Amino acid sequence: MRRSFLALVSILILTFAAIAILKNWSRQASTEEGDVAMAVGEKERIQQFWTLYRKATDYRIAGNIEEANEHYQAALELNDNHEDTWYYLAASYRALRKLDKAEDAWKRLSEINPGSARAHLQLGGLYVDFPKEALFFNPENARKHFQRALEINQEETGPLLRLGHVALLKGNLSDAKQYFDAVTASNFRSVEAYFLNGYLAWKSGDSETALLLMEDAVTHSRPMKPVEGVLGEGDTKTGSILGQSGRAKRKALFEDYLEDLSELGEPDRREMEARFRQLDVFLTQLRRNIPS
């Protein structure tokens, strides 16, 4: 009797053990299947992201800003932390004159990467390059972002040039000259720095120096023939930031005074006087719009 009882207990124990093993195996199999499904889904998501990003890049380089913008938005739905996508999405918004969305996108980039000098540089640009937009034209806000960009990356002359813009807008001419001098010391081909320094010399009454700086600006505005097989400064293998048509939509503050310099012959005093007078009127008008 006792033996029968022990046998029954042993059978029950073995049965429960078998059930437990089967349940555990089932859970493991289910988990493994879920992991495989997740891995496949993640791979598909990553592939979809890169497909959208590459299409957006192709549209951007071709100058089709609307399509690029839509594809960058779709890509970010799959990867919300991709820095280049946020950067180019913001640039496309700027080109489309959707400045509030451009601002939000570049701010998002600066949150993802607090060390992104280009995010701060572009944010500063929003606050000076659109003087007719009362909600955005704020040189002091621009100065803060340009200063931050310079602190992050002191090897680039872009923040220095833009800080010179702000000083010029505020009428701090000696500060502006220091910035433009620093730019040409590092980048001897900076057309804008020579041109604006020429204006400052003209403004101070030094017409001789002004004409020499104007000549420098004209000379360096003419394209250099690149060494075969070597990319020149500013060239990329993927084209400009917004392609050919996009470039015309995103002019910086003083670009109108620079874009045809390469077509000039040797500038004379009359040409110099005319351009610097136009710039002087432009600056006088802008200063009336600077928030107090």
Foldseek 3Di string as FASTA:
>chain_A
DVVVVVVVVVVVVVVVVVVVVVVVVVVVVVVVVVVVVVVVVLVVLVVLLVVLQVVLLVCQQAQVLVSSLVSLVVSCVSPVLDLVSLQLNLLSCVLVVVNVSSLVSLVSSCVSPVLDLVSLQVLLQQQPFCLVPLVRPALVSSLVSLVSSCVSPVLDLSSLQSNLVSCVLQVVLVSSLVSLVVSCVNPVLPLVSLQVVLLSCVVVVNNVSSLVSLQSSLVSLADDDDDPPDDDPPDDPSHDSRHDNSVVSNDTRCVVLRPCSPVDDRDDSVVSVVSSVVVVVVSVVSSVSHDD
